């Protein structure tokens, strides 16, 4: 299956955002430091790490650019930066207008969801569903739920331990190979790679399983 046709994977896309944020000149997790990205940055990332699934690159960039703090940074005239952090373009008036529309749509959806939740709570309270459940039944379900969560946590911790041992062996082998090669130029940016992305995605999945 072509890389650009692969199914989207949210945990892997989020893991890739974390990897991209290791390039602080371009990507960041700090809301007040986000800057608009240059057009064509997807192609630049793929050129830098051709082994990465193209669909994951697209999804990661879409998730990053959909954050409120990123959208709010896309005002007319704001600089757009490339993968090295250099300013290569600016946000146009058309871009800024489109961003305003996206923000307004997001705000409307958020308000609608809030209204739905409040309506559901009010109806439940009126129907007395919050007080109709017997204490013993509730306690029994909570105990079963806690037991199931404990089993999942133990299994996830065991998986984490195995994953860490495998990663340690792989890292040792990688270090051995690296020392046999020419040392990279000083100040060179670390390249993205599929192996690191898979490891980061696995850590996110295991963390979610134990939370």
N, C-alpha and C. Protein backbone atom coordinates (compact mmCIF):
# COMPACT_ATOMS: atom_id res chain seq x y z
N UNK A 1 0.85 -1.20 0.00
CA UNK A 1 0.00 0.00 0.00
C UNK A 1 0.88 1.24 0.00
N UNK A 2 0.62 2.20 -0.89
CA UNK A 2 1.45 3.41 -0.94
C UNK A 2 1.41 4.15 0.39
N UNK A 3 2.52 4.83 0.68
CA UNK A 3 2.61 5.52 1.97
C UNK A 3 1.56 6.60 2.12
N UNK A 4 1.20 7.26 1.01
CA UNK A 4 0.23 8.34 1.12
C UNK A 4 -1.20 7.84 1.17
N UNK A 5 -1.41 6.50 1.11
CA UNK A 5 -2.74 5.92 1.18
C UNK A 5 -2.96 5.13 2.46
N UNK A 6 -2.00 5.09 3.34
CA UNK A 6 -2.13 4.32 4.55
C UNK A 6 -3.16 4.95 5.48
N UNK A 7 -3.77 4.09 6.33
CA UNK A 7 -4.79 4.56 7.25
C UNK A 7 -4.19 5.48 8.30
N UNK A 8 -4.94 6.50 8.66
CA UNK A 8 -4.47 7.45 9.66
C UNK A 8 -4.35 6.77 11.02
N UNK A 9 -3.39 7.20 11.81
CA UNK A 9 -3.12 6.62 13.12
C UNK A 9 -2.89 7.77 14.08
N UNK A 10 -3.89 8.06 14.92
CA UNK A 10 -3.81 9.22 15.81
C UNK A 10 -2.63 9.14 16.78
N UNK A 11 -2.42 8.01 17.49
CA UNK A 11 -1.27 7.96 18.43
C UNK A 11 0.06 8.19 17.73
N UNK A 12 0.22 7.62 16.53
CA UNK A 12 1.48 7.81 15.80
C UNK A 12 1.63 9.26 15.35
N UNK A 13 0.53 9.87 14.92
CA UNK A 13 0.58 11.27 14.51
C UNK A 13 0.96 12.18 15.68
N UNK A 14 0.39 11.90 16.87
CA UNK A 14 0.73 12.69 18.04
C UNK A 14 2.19 12.47 18.43
N UNK A 15 2.67 11.23 18.28
CA UNK A 15 4.07 10.95 18.58
C UNK A 15 4.98 11.71 17.61
N UNK A 16 4.53 11.84 16.38
CA UNK A 16 5.34 12.58 15.40
C UNK A 16 5.39 14.06 15.74
N UNK A 17 4.29 14.60 16.26
CA UNK A 17 4.30 16.00 16.68
C UNK A 17 5.35 16.20 17.77
N UNK A 18 5.43 15.24 18.71
CA UNK A 18 6.45 15.33 19.76
C UNK A 18 7.85 15.31 19.16
N UNK A 19 8.05 14.47 18.14
CA UNK A 19 9.36 14.42 17.48
C UNK A 19 9.66 15.74 16.76
N UNK A 20 8.65 16.29 16.09
CA UNK A 20 8.86 17.54 15.37
C UNK A 20 9.19 18.68 16.32
N UNK A 21 8.63 18.61 17.54
CA UNK A 21 8.89 19.66 18.52
C UNK A 21 10.32 19.61 19.07
N UNK A 22 11.07 18.58 18.68
CA UNK A 22 12.49 18.56 19.00
C UNK A 22 13.25 19.55 18.12
N UNK A 23 12.55 20.10 17.13
CA UNK A 23 13.10 21.19 16.30
C UNK A 23 12.45 22.49 16.77
N UNK A 24 12.90 23.04 17.89
CA UNK A 24 12.21 24.18 18.51
C UNK A 24 12.18 25.44 17.67
N UNK A 25 13.01 25.52 16.64
CA UNK A 25 12.98 26.71 15.80
C UNK A 25 11.72 26.75 14.92
N UNK A 26 11.10 25.58 14.74
CA UNK A 26 9.93 25.49 13.86
C UNK A 26 8.68 25.04 14.60
N UNK A 27 8.81 23.98 15.40
CA UNK A 27 7.66 23.40 16.10
C UNK A 27 7.83 23.55 17.61
N UNK A 28 6.72 23.68 18.31
CA UNK A 28 6.77 23.84 19.76
C UNK A 28 5.46 23.41 20.38
N UNK A 29 5.53 22.98 21.63
CA UNK A 29 4.33 22.66 22.40
C UNK A 29 3.86 23.86 23.22
N UNK A 30 4.64 24.95 23.21
CA UNK A 30 4.31 26.14 23.99
C UNK A 30 3.36 27.03 23.18
N UNK A 31 2.15 27.22 23.66
CA UNK A 31 1.15 27.95 22.87
C UNK A 31 1.60 29.34 22.41
N UNK A 32 2.26 30.10 23.30
CA UNK A 32 2.61 31.48 22.95
C UNK A 32 3.80 31.56 22.00
N UNK A 33 4.45 30.42 21.70
CA UNK A 33 5.61 30.43 20.81
C UNK A 33 5.30 29.85 19.43
N UNK A 34 4.07 29.42 19.20
CA UNK A 34 3.72 28.83 17.90
C UNK A 34 3.75 29.88 16.80
N UNK A 35 4.28 29.47 15.64
CA UNK A 35 4.35 30.35 14.48
C UNK A 35 3.77 29.64 13.27
N UNK A 36 3.20 30.39 12.33
CA UNK A 36 2.68 29.77 11.11
C UNK A 36 3.78 29.04 10.34
N UNK A 37 3.44 27.89 9.80
CA UNK A 37 4.40 27.08 9.05
C UNK A 37 4.41 27.47 7.58
N UNK A 38 5.55 27.26 6.94
CA UNK A 38 5.70 27.59 5.53
C UNK A 38 4.87 26.65 4.67
N UNK A 39 4.43 27.12 3.55
CA UNK A 39 3.79 26.24 2.58
C UNK A 39 4.82 25.25 2.06
N UNK A 40 4.41 24.01 1.89
CA UNK A 40 5.33 23.00 1.39
C UNK A 40 6.17 22.35 2.47
N UNK A 41 5.84 22.61 3.76
CA UNK A 41 6.65 22.03 4.82
C UNK A 41 6.45 20.52 4.90
N UNK A 42 5.29 20.02 4.48
CA UNK A 42 5.05 18.58 4.45
C UNK A 42 6.07 17.90 3.54
N UNK A 43 6.25 18.47 2.35
CA UNK A 43 7.22 17.90 1.40
C UNK A 43 8.64 17.98 1.94
N UNK A 44 8.94 19.04 2.70
CA UNK A 44 10.28 19.18 3.28
C UNK A 44 10.52 18.10 4.33
N UNK A 45 9.51 17.78 5.12
CA UNK A 45 9.65 16.73 6.14
C UNK A 45 9.84 15.38 5.47
N UNK A 46 9.05 15.11 4.43
CA UNK A 46 9.15 13.84 3.72
C UNK A 46 10.53 13.70 3.06
N UNK A 47 11.04 14.81 2.52
CA UNK A 47 12.38 14.77 1.92
C UNK A 47 13.45 14.51 2.97
N UNK A 48 13.24 15.05 4.18
CA UNK A 48 14.20 14.87 5.28
C UNK A 48 14.14 13.45 5.84
N UNK A 49 12.94 12.84 5.82
CA UNK A 49 12.77 11.48 6.35
C UNK A 49 11.84 10.71 5.43
N UNK A 50 12.35 10.24 4.28
CA UNK A 50 11.50 9.58 3.28
C UNK A 50 10.89 8.27 3.75
N UNK A 51 11.39 7.68 4.85
CA UNK A 51 10.82 6.42 5.32
C UNK A 51 9.55 6.62 6.14
N UNK A 52 9.21 7.86 6.49
CA UNK A 52 8.01 8.12 7.27
C UNK A 52 6.76 7.96 6.39
N UNK A 53 5.69 7.37 6.92
CA UNK A 53 4.44 7.26 6.15
C UNK A 53 3.89 8.66 5.83
N UNK A 54 3.61 8.90 4.58
CA UNK A 54 3.16 10.22 4.17
C UNK A 54 1.85 10.61 4.83
N UNK A 55 0.95 9.62 5.03
CA UNK A 55 -0.34 9.93 5.64
C UNK A 55 -0.16 10.40 7.09
N UNK A 56 0.83 9.84 7.79
CA UNK A 56 1.08 10.25 9.17
C UNK A 56 1.66 11.65 9.21
N UNK A 57 2.52 11.97 8.26
CA UNK A 57 3.07 13.33 8.18
C UNK A 57 1.93 14.33 7.98
N UNK A 58 1.01 14.00 7.06
CA UNK A 58 -0.11 14.89 6.79
C UNK A 58 -1.00 15.04 8.02
N UNK A 59 -1.29 13.92 8.70
CA UNK A 59 -2.16 13.97 9.86
C UNK A 59 -1.52 14.75 11.01
N UNK A 60 -0.23 14.54 11.22
CA UNK A 60 0.47 15.25 12.30
C UNK A 60 0.43 16.76 12.06
N UNK A 61 0.70 17.17 10.82
CA UNK A 61 0.67 18.60 10.50
C UNK A 61 -0.74 19.17 10.63
N UNK A 62 -1.74 18.38 10.23
CA UNK A 62 -3.13 18.85 10.34
C UNK A 62 -3.52 19.04 11.81
N UNK A 63 -3.12 18.09 12.66
CA UNK A 63 -3.43 18.21 14.09
C UNK A 63 -2.71 19.41 14.71
N UNK A 64 -1.46 19.60 14.32
CA UNK A 64 -0.68 20.73 14.85
C UNK A 64 -1.31 22.06 14.43
N UNK A 65 -1.67 22.14 13.15
CA UNK A 65 -2.20 23.40 12.62
C UNK A 65 -3.65 23.65 13.03
N UNK A 66 -4.31 22.65 13.62
CA UNK A 66 -5.70 22.82 14.06
C UNK A 66 -5.80 23.33 15.49
N UNK A 67 -4.68 23.44 16.18
CA UNK A 67 -4.72 23.91 17.56
C UNK A 67 -5.10 25.39 17.62
N UNK A 68 -5.88 25.73 18.64
CA UNK A 68 -6.34 27.12 18.77
C UNK A 68 -5.17 28.09 18.78
N UNK A 69 -4.11 27.75 19.53
CA UNK A 69 -2.98 28.67 19.64
C UNK A 69 -2.29 28.86 18.29
N UNK A 70 -2.27 27.81 17.46
CA UNK A 70 -1.67 27.96 16.13
C UNK A 70 -2.55 28.84 15.26
N UNK A 71 -3.86 28.57 15.29
CA UNK A 71 -4.78 29.36 14.47
C UNK A 71 -4.73 30.84 14.85
N UNK A 72 -4.64 31.10 16.15
CA UNK A 72 -4.60 32.50 16.60
C UNK A 72 -3.31 33.20 16.18
N UNK A 73 -2.26 32.40 15.89
CA UNK A 73 -0.99 32.99 15.45
C UNK A 73 -1.03 33.36 13.97
N UNK A 74 -2.03 32.84 13.23
CA UNK A 74 -2.08 33.06 11.79
C UNK A 74 -2.82 34.35 11.46
N UNK A 75 -2.24 35.46 11.87
CA UNK A 75 -2.80 36.77 11.55
C UNK A 75 -2.11 37.32 10.31
N UNK A 76 -2.78 38.22 9.62
CA UNK A 76 -2.23 38.79 8.39
C UNK A 76 -0.87 39.41 8.64
N UNK A 77 0.10 39.05 7.80
CA UNK A 77 1.44 39.60 7.91
C UNK A 77 2.37 38.82 8.81
N UNK A 78 1.85 37.81 9.54
CA UNK A 78 2.71 37.01 10.42
C UNK A 78 3.68 36.19 9.58
N UNK A 79 4.94 36.05 10.00
CA UNK A 79 5.91 35.30 9.21
C UNK A 79 5.63 33.80 9.21
N UNK A 80 5.86 33.18 8.08
CA UNK A 80 5.81 31.72 7.96
C UNK A 80 7.23 31.19 7.96
N UNK A 81 7.48 30.12 8.74
CA UNK A 81 8.86 29.61 8.86
C UNK A 81 8.96 28.21 8.26
N UNK A 82 10.17 27.91 7.76
CA UNK A 82 10.40 26.60 7.16
C UNK A 82 10.96 25.63 8.20
N UNK A 83 11.43 24.48 7.74
CA UNK A 83 11.86 23.43 8.65
C UNK A 83 13.11 23.81 9.44
N UNK A 84 13.86 24.77 8.94
CA UNK A 84 15.07 25.22 9.65
C UNK A 84 14.80 26.44 10.51
N UNK A 85 13.54 26.92 10.52
CA UNK A 85 13.19 28.07 11.34
C UNK A 85 13.36 29.40 10.64
N UNK A 86 13.68 29.40 9.35
CA UNK A 86 13.86 30.64 8.61
C UNK A 86 12.53 31.15 8.07
N UNK A 87 12.38 32.47 8.07
CA UNK A 87 11.17 33.08 7.53
C UNK A 87 11.25 33.04 6.00
N UNK A 88 10.23 32.43 5.39
CA UNK A 88 10.23 32.29 3.93
C UNK A 88 8.98 32.89 3.29
N UNK A 89 8.01 33.29 4.11
CA UNK A 89 6.76 33.82 3.56
C UNK A 89 5.99 34.49 4.70
N UNK A 90 4.83 35.05 4.38
CA UNK A 90 3.98 35.65 5.40
C UNK A 90 2.54 35.16 5.22
N UNK A 91 1.76 35.30 6.26
CA UNK A 91 0.34 34.95 6.19
C UNK A 91 -0.38 36.05 5.41
N UNK A 92 -1.08 35.69 4.36
CA UNK A 92 -1.79 36.68 3.54
C UNK A 92 -3.12 37.05 4.18
N UNK A 93 -3.73 38.11 3.66
CA UNK A 93 -5.06 38.52 4.14
C UNK A 93 -6.07 37.40 3.91
N UNK A 94 -5.96 36.71 2.79
CA UNK A 94 -6.88 35.61 2.49
C UNK A 94 -6.70 34.47 3.49
N UNK A 95 -5.43 34.15 3.80
CA UNK A 95 -5.15 33.11 4.79
C UNK A 95 -5.74 33.48 6.14
N UNK A 96 -5.54 34.72 6.54
CA UNK A 96 -6.03 35.18 7.84
C UNK A 96 -7.55 35.13 7.90
N UNK A 97 -8.22 35.51 6.81
CA UNK A 97 -9.68 35.48 6.78
C UNK A 97 -10.20 34.05 6.91
N UNK A 98 -9.52 33.12 6.24
CA UNK A 98 -9.90 31.71 6.33
C UNK A 98 -9.72 31.20 7.76
N UNK A 99 -8.66 31.64 8.41
CA UNK A 99 -8.41 31.22 9.79
C UNK A 99 -9.50 31.73 10.73
N UNK A 100 -9.93 32.97 10.51
CA UNK A 100 -11.01 33.53 11.33
C UNK A 100 -12.27 32.69 11.18
N UNK A 101 -12.56 32.25 9.97
CA UNK A 101 -13.73 31.41 9.72
C UNK A 101 -13.61 30.07 10.46
N UNK A 102 -12.42 29.49 10.42
CA UNK A 102 -12.19 28.22 11.12
C UNK A 102 -12.37 28.38 12.63
N UNK A 103 -11.82 29.46 13.17
CA UNK A 103 -11.96 29.70 14.60
C UNK A 103 -13.42 29.89 14.99
N UNK A 104 -14.16 30.63 14.17
CA UNK A 104 -15.57 30.86 14.47
C UNK A 104 -16.35 29.54 14.44
N UNK A 105 -16.04 28.70 13.46
CA UNK A 105 -16.72 27.40 13.37
C UNK A 105 -16.39 26.53 14.57
N UNK A 106 -15.15 26.55 14.99
CA UNK A 106 -14.74 25.77 16.17
C UNK A 106 -15.45 26.25 17.41
N UNK A 107 -15.57 27.57 17.56
CA UNK A 107 -16.24 28.13 18.73
C UNK A 107 -17.72 27.75 18.74
N UNK A 108 -18.34 27.74 17.56
CA UNK A 108 -19.75 27.35 17.49
C UNK A 108 -19.94 25.88 17.88
N UNK A 109 -19.06 25.02 17.40
CA UNK A 109 -19.14 23.60 17.74
C UNK A 109 -18.93 23.40 19.24
N UNK A 110 -17.97 24.12 19.79
CA UNK A 110 -17.69 23.99 21.23
C UNK A 110 -18.90 24.43 22.05
N UNK A 111 -19.53 25.54 21.65
CA UNK A 111 -20.71 26.02 22.36
C UNK A 111 -21.86 25.04 22.24
N UNK A 112 -22.01 24.42 21.05
CA UNK A 112 -23.09 23.46 20.84
C UNK A 112 -22.89 22.22 21.70
N UNK A 113 -21.63 21.74 21.79
CA UNK A 113 -21.36 20.56 22.62
C UNK A 113 -21.62 20.86 24.10
N UNK A 114 -21.25 22.07 24.52
CA UNK A 114 -21.48 22.44 25.91
C UNK A 114 -22.97 22.49 26.21
N UNK A 115 -23.74 23.04 25.28
CA UNK A 115 -25.19 23.11 25.47
C UNK A 115 -25.81 21.72 25.53
N UNK A 116 -25.32 20.80 24.69
CA UNK A 116 -25.83 19.43 24.70
C UNK A 116 -25.55 18.74 26.03
N UNK A 117 -24.34 18.95 26.55
CA UNK A 117 -24.00 18.33 27.84
C UNK A 117 -24.88 18.88 28.96
N UNK A 118 -25.06 20.19 28.95
CA UNK A 118 -25.87 20.80 30.00
C UNK A 118 -27.32 20.33 29.92
N UNK A 119 -27.84 20.17 28.70
CA UNK A 119 -29.20 19.67 28.52
C UNK A 119 -29.33 18.24 29.01
N UNK A 120 -28.33 17.40 28.69
CA UNK A 120 -28.37 16.00 29.12
C UNK A 120 -28.33 15.89 30.65
N UNK A 121 -27.50 16.70 31.28
CA UNK A 121 -27.42 16.68 32.75
C UNK A 121 -28.73 17.13 33.37
N UNK A 122 -29.31 18.17 32.80
CA UNK A 122 -30.57 18.68 33.35
C UNK A 122 -31.69 17.64 33.22
N UNK A 123 -31.75 16.96 32.07
CA UNK A 123 -32.78 15.95 31.88
C UNK A 123 -32.58 14.77 32.83
N UNK A 124 -31.31 14.39 33.03
CA UNK A 124 -31.02 13.28 33.94
C UNK A 124 -31.40 13.63 35.37
N UNK A 125 -31.13 14.86 35.74
CA UNK A 125 -31.48 15.30 37.09
C UNK A 125 -33.00 15.33 37.28
N UNK A 126 -33.70 15.78 36.25
CA UNK A 126 -35.16 15.84 36.33
C UNK A 126 -35.77 14.44 36.41
N UNK A 127 -35.14 13.48 35.73
CA UNK A 127 -35.66 12.12 35.74
C UNK A 127 -35.25 11.37 37.00
N UNK A 128 -34.37 11.97 37.78
CA UNK A 128 -33.94 11.34 39.02
C UNK A 128 -32.99 10.17 38.82
N UNK A 129 -32.32 10.14 37.65
CA UNK A 129 -31.43 9.02 37.38
C UNK A 129 -30.20 9.02 38.27
N UNK A 130 -29.87 10.18 38.82
CA UNK A 130 -28.68 10.24 39.66
C UNK A 130 -28.90 9.59 41.02
N UNK A 131 -30.17 9.47 41.45
CA UNK A 131 -30.43 8.93 42.78
C UNK A 131 -31.16 7.59 42.76
N UNK A 132 -31.49 7.07 41.57
CA UNK A 132 -32.28 5.86 41.48
C UNK A 132 -31.45 4.59 41.62
N UNK A 133 -30.17 4.68 41.42
CA UNK A 133 -29.32 3.50 41.45
C UNK A 133 -29.06 3.05 42.88
N UNK A 134 -29.16 1.74 43.11
CA UNK A 134 -28.92 1.22 44.44
C UNK A 134 -27.43 1.28 44.79
N UNK A 135 -27.11 1.61 46.02
CA UNK A 135 -25.70 1.72 46.42
C UNK A 135 -24.92 0.44 46.19
N UNK A 136 -25.51 -0.73 46.50
CA UNK A 136 -24.77 -1.99 46.35
C UNK A 136 -24.45 -2.26 44.88
N UNK A 137 -25.40 -1.99 43.99
CA UNK A 137 -25.16 -2.20 42.57
C UNK A 137 -24.04 -1.29 42.07
N UNK A 138 -24.08 -0.05 42.50
CA UNK A 138 -23.04 0.89 42.09
C UNK A 138 -21.68 0.45 42.61
N UNK A 139 -21.63 0.01 43.87
CA UNK A 139 -20.36 -0.43 44.45
C UNK A 139 -19.83 -1.66 43.73
N UNK A 140 -20.74 -2.58 43.36
CA UNK A 140 -20.30 -3.77 42.64
C UNK A 140 -19.70 -3.44 41.29
N UNK A 141 -20.35 -2.54 40.57
CA UNK A 141 -19.81 -2.15 39.27
C UNK A 141 -18.47 -1.44 39.40
N UNK A 142 -18.34 -0.61 40.42
CA UNK A 142 -17.07 0.10 40.63
C UNK A 142 -15.95 -0.89 40.95
N UNK A 143 -16.26 -1.92 41.74
CA UNK A 143 -15.25 -2.92 42.08
C UNK A 143 -14.82 -3.70 40.84
N UNK A 144 -15.79 -4.09 40.00
CA UNK A 144 -15.45 -4.81 38.78
C UNK A 144 -14.62 -3.94 37.85
N UNK A 145 -15.00 -2.67 37.75
CA UNK A 145 -14.26 -1.76 36.89
C UNK A 145 -12.83 -1.58 37.40
N UNK A 146 -12.67 -1.43 38.72
CA UNK A 146 -11.33 -1.25 39.29
C UNK A 146 -10.47 -2.49 39.05
N UNK A 147 -11.09 -3.68 39.17
CA UNK A 147 -10.35 -4.92 38.94
C UNK A 147 -9.90 -5.02 37.49
N UNK A 148 -10.79 -4.67 36.56
CA UNK A 148 -10.44 -4.72 35.14
C UNK A 148 -9.31 -3.74 34.82
N UNK A 149 -9.38 -2.56 35.44
CA UNK A 149 -8.34 -1.56 35.20
C UNK A 149 -7.00 -2.06 35.74
N UNK A 150 -7.01 -2.71 36.91
CA UNK A 150 -5.77 -3.22 37.49
C UNK A 150 -5.14 -4.27 36.59
N UNK A 151 -5.95 -5.17 36.03
CA UNK A 151 -5.43 -6.20 35.13
C UNK A 151 -4.80 -5.56 33.90
N UNK A 152 -5.48 -4.56 33.34
CA UNK A 152 -4.92 -3.89 32.17
C UNK A 152 -3.62 -3.17 32.49
N UNK A 153 -3.56 -2.57 33.68
CA UNK A 153 -2.34 -1.86 34.07
C UNK A 153 -1.16 -2.81 34.21
N UNK A 154 -1.41 -3.98 34.83
CA UNK A 154 -0.34 -4.97 35.00
C UNK A 154 0.15 -5.45 33.64
N UNK A 155 -0.80 -5.75 32.74
CA UNK A 155 -0.42 -6.21 31.41
C UNK A 155 0.35 -5.14 30.66
N UNK A 156 -0.10 -3.89 30.79
CA UNK A 156 0.58 -2.79 30.10
C UNK A 156 1.98 -2.57 30.65
N UNK A 157 2.14 -2.68 31.99
CA UNK A 157 3.46 -2.51 32.59
C UNK A 157 4.41 -3.60 32.13
N UNK A 158 3.91 -4.82 32.02
CA UNK A 158 4.75 -5.90 31.52
C UNK A 158 5.18 -5.63 30.09
N UNK A 159 4.24 -5.11 29.30
CA UNK A 159 4.57 -4.81 27.91
C UNK A 159 5.59 -3.69 27.83
N UNK A 160 5.46 -2.70 28.73
CA UNK A 160 6.43 -1.60 28.75
C UNK A 160 7.82 -2.12 29.08
N UNK A 161 7.90 -3.04 30.06
CA UNK A 161 9.20 -3.59 30.46
C UNK A 161 9.86 -4.32 29.30
N UNK A 162 9.06 -5.12 28.56
CA UNK A 162 9.61 -5.84 27.41
C UNK A 162 10.04 -4.86 26.34
N UNK A 163 9.20 -3.84 26.10
CA UNK A 163 9.53 -2.84 25.09
C UNK A 163 10.81 -2.09 25.44
N UNK A 164 10.99 -1.77 26.72
CA UNK A 164 12.20 -1.05 27.15
C UNK A 164 13.45 -1.91 26.98
N UNK A 165 13.33 -3.22 27.28
CA UNK A 165 14.49 -4.10 27.09
C UNK A 165 14.87 -4.20 25.63
N UNK A 166 13.86 -4.32 24.75
CA UNK A 166 14.14 -4.39 23.32
C UNK A 166 14.75 -3.09 22.82
N UNK A 167 14.20 -1.97 23.32
CA UNK A 167 14.72 -0.66 22.91
C UNK A 167 16.16 -0.47 23.37
N UNK A 168 16.48 -0.97 24.58
CA UNK A 168 17.83 -0.84 25.11
C UNK A 168 18.82 -1.61 24.25
N UNK A 169 18.44 -2.83 23.84
CA UNK A 169 19.31 -3.62 22.98
C UNK A 169 19.51 -2.94 21.63
N UNK A 170 18.40 -2.40 21.09
CA UNK A 170 18.50 -1.72 19.81
C UNK A 170 19.38 -0.48 19.90
N UNK A 171 19.25 0.24 21.02
CA UNK A 171 20.06 1.45 21.20
C UNK A 171 21.53 1.10 21.31
N UNK A 172 21.85 0.00 22.02
CA UNK A 172 23.24 -0.43 22.15
C UNK A 172 23.83 -0.76 20.79
N UNK A 173 23.03 -1.47 19.96
CA UNK A 173 23.51 -1.83 18.63
C UNK A 173 23.69 -0.59 17.77
N UNK A 174 22.77 0.36 17.90
CA UNK A 174 22.85 1.59 17.12
C UNK A 174 24.08 2.41 17.49
N UNK A 175 24.37 2.49 18.80
CA UNK A 175 25.54 3.23 19.27
C UNK A 175 26.81 2.59 18.72
N UNK A 176 26.84 1.25 18.72
CA UNK A 176 28.01 0.56 18.20
C UNK A 176 28.24 0.84 16.74
N UNK A 177 27.14 0.88 15.98
CA UNK A 177 27.27 1.18 14.56
C UNK A 177 27.66 2.62 14.34
N UNK A 178 27.13 3.51 15.15
CA UNK A 178 27.41 4.94 14.98
C UNK A 178 28.87 5.26 15.22
N UNK A 179 29.48 4.60 16.19
CA UNK A 179 30.88 4.88 16.51
C UNK A 179 31.81 4.42 15.40
N UNK A 180 31.32 3.47 14.58
CA UNK A 180 32.16 2.97 13.49
C UNK A 180 32.09 3.88 12.28
N UNK A 181 31.12 4.77 12.28
CA UNK A 181 30.96 5.68 11.14
C UNK A 181 31.59 7.04 11.45
N UNK A 182 31.67 7.85 10.42
CA UNK A 182 32.22 9.20 10.60
C UNK A 182 31.29 10.02 11.47
N UNK A 183 31.82 10.77 12.40
CA UNK A 183 31.03 11.61 13.29
C UNK A 183 30.36 12.70 12.49
N UNK A 184 29.01 12.94 12.69
CA UNK A 184 28.31 13.97 11.93
C UNK A 184 28.84 15.36 12.23
N UNK A 185 28.56 16.25 11.30
CA UNK A 185 29.04 17.63 11.44
C UNK A 185 28.46 18.26 12.69
N UNK A 186 29.23 19.06 13.36
CA UNK A 186 28.80 19.71 14.59
C UNK A 186 27.65 20.66 14.30
N UNK A 187 26.58 20.57 15.15
CA UNK A 187 25.44 21.45 14.98
C UNK A 187 24.40 20.93 14.02
N UNK A 188 24.63 19.73 13.43
CA UNK A 188 23.67 19.18 12.49
C UNK A 188 22.39 18.81 13.20
N UNK A 189 21.26 19.02 12.53
CA UNK A 189 19.97 18.70 13.11
C UNK A 189 19.71 17.21 13.02
N UNK A 190 19.22 16.62 14.11
CA UNK A 190 18.92 15.20 14.11
C UNK A 190 17.77 14.91 13.15
N UNK A 191 17.95 13.89 12.30
CA UNK A 191 16.95 13.56 11.30
C UNK A 191 15.81 12.76 11.91
N UNK A 192 14.64 12.97 11.34
CA UNK A 192 13.50 12.18 11.75
C UNK A 192 13.63 10.79 11.15
N UNK A 193 12.98 9.81 11.77
CA UNK A 193 13.07 8.46 11.25
C UNK A 193 11.90 7.61 11.68
N UNK A 194 11.62 6.57 10.90
CA UNK A 194 10.48 5.70 11.19
C UNK A 194 10.67 4.92 12.48
N UNK A 195 11.92 4.49 12.77
CA UNK A 195 12.16 3.70 13.98
C UNK A 195 11.84 4.51 15.23
N UNK A 196 12.32 5.75 15.28
CA UNK A 196 12.03 6.60 16.43
C UNK A 196 10.56 6.93 16.54
N UNK A 197 9.90 7.10 15.40
CA UNK A 197 8.47 7.41 15.40
C UNK A 197 7.67 6.23 15.96
N UNK A 198 8.03 5.01 15.54
CA UNK A 198 7.32 3.82 16.04
C UNK A 198 7.50 3.67 17.54
N UNK A 199 8.72 3.91 18.02
CA UNK A 199 8.98 3.79 19.46
C UNK A 199 8.17 4.82 20.25
N UNK A 200 8.13 6.05 19.75
CA UNK A 200 7.38 7.11 20.44
C UNK A 200 5.89 6.81 20.43
N UNK A 201 5.39 6.28 19.31
CA UNK A 201 3.96 5.94 19.24
C UNK A 201 3.63 4.81 20.20
N UNK A 202 4.52 3.82 20.31
CA UNK A 202 4.29 2.71 21.23
C UNK A 202 4.24 3.20 22.67
N UNK A 203 5.12 4.15 23.02
CA UNK A 203 5.11 4.69 24.37
C UNK A 203 3.79 5.40 24.66
N UNK A 204 3.25 6.12 23.67
CA UNK A 204 1.99 6.81 23.86
C UNK A 204 0.85 5.82 24.07
N UNK A 205 0.85 4.73 23.30
CA UNK A 205 -0.22 3.73 23.45
C UNK A 205 -0.16 3.07 24.82
N UNK A 206 1.05 2.72 25.28
CA UNK A 206 1.18 2.06 26.57
C UNK A 206 0.82 3.01 27.72
N UNK A 207 1.19 4.29 27.55
CA UNK A 207 0.84 5.27 28.58
C UNK A 207 -0.68 5.43 28.66
N UNK A 208 -1.34 5.42 27.49
CA UNK A 208 -2.80 5.56 27.49
C UNK A 208 -3.47 4.34 28.13
N UNK A 209 -2.85 3.16 27.94
CA UNK A 209 -3.43 1.94 28.49
C UNK A 209 -3.33 1.90 30.02
N UNK A 210 -2.32 2.56 30.58
CA UNK A 210 -2.13 2.53 32.03
C UNK A 210 -2.77 3.71 32.73
N UNK A 211 -3.30 4.66 31.95
CA UNK A 211 -3.89 5.85 32.59
C UNK A 211 -5.33 5.58 33.00
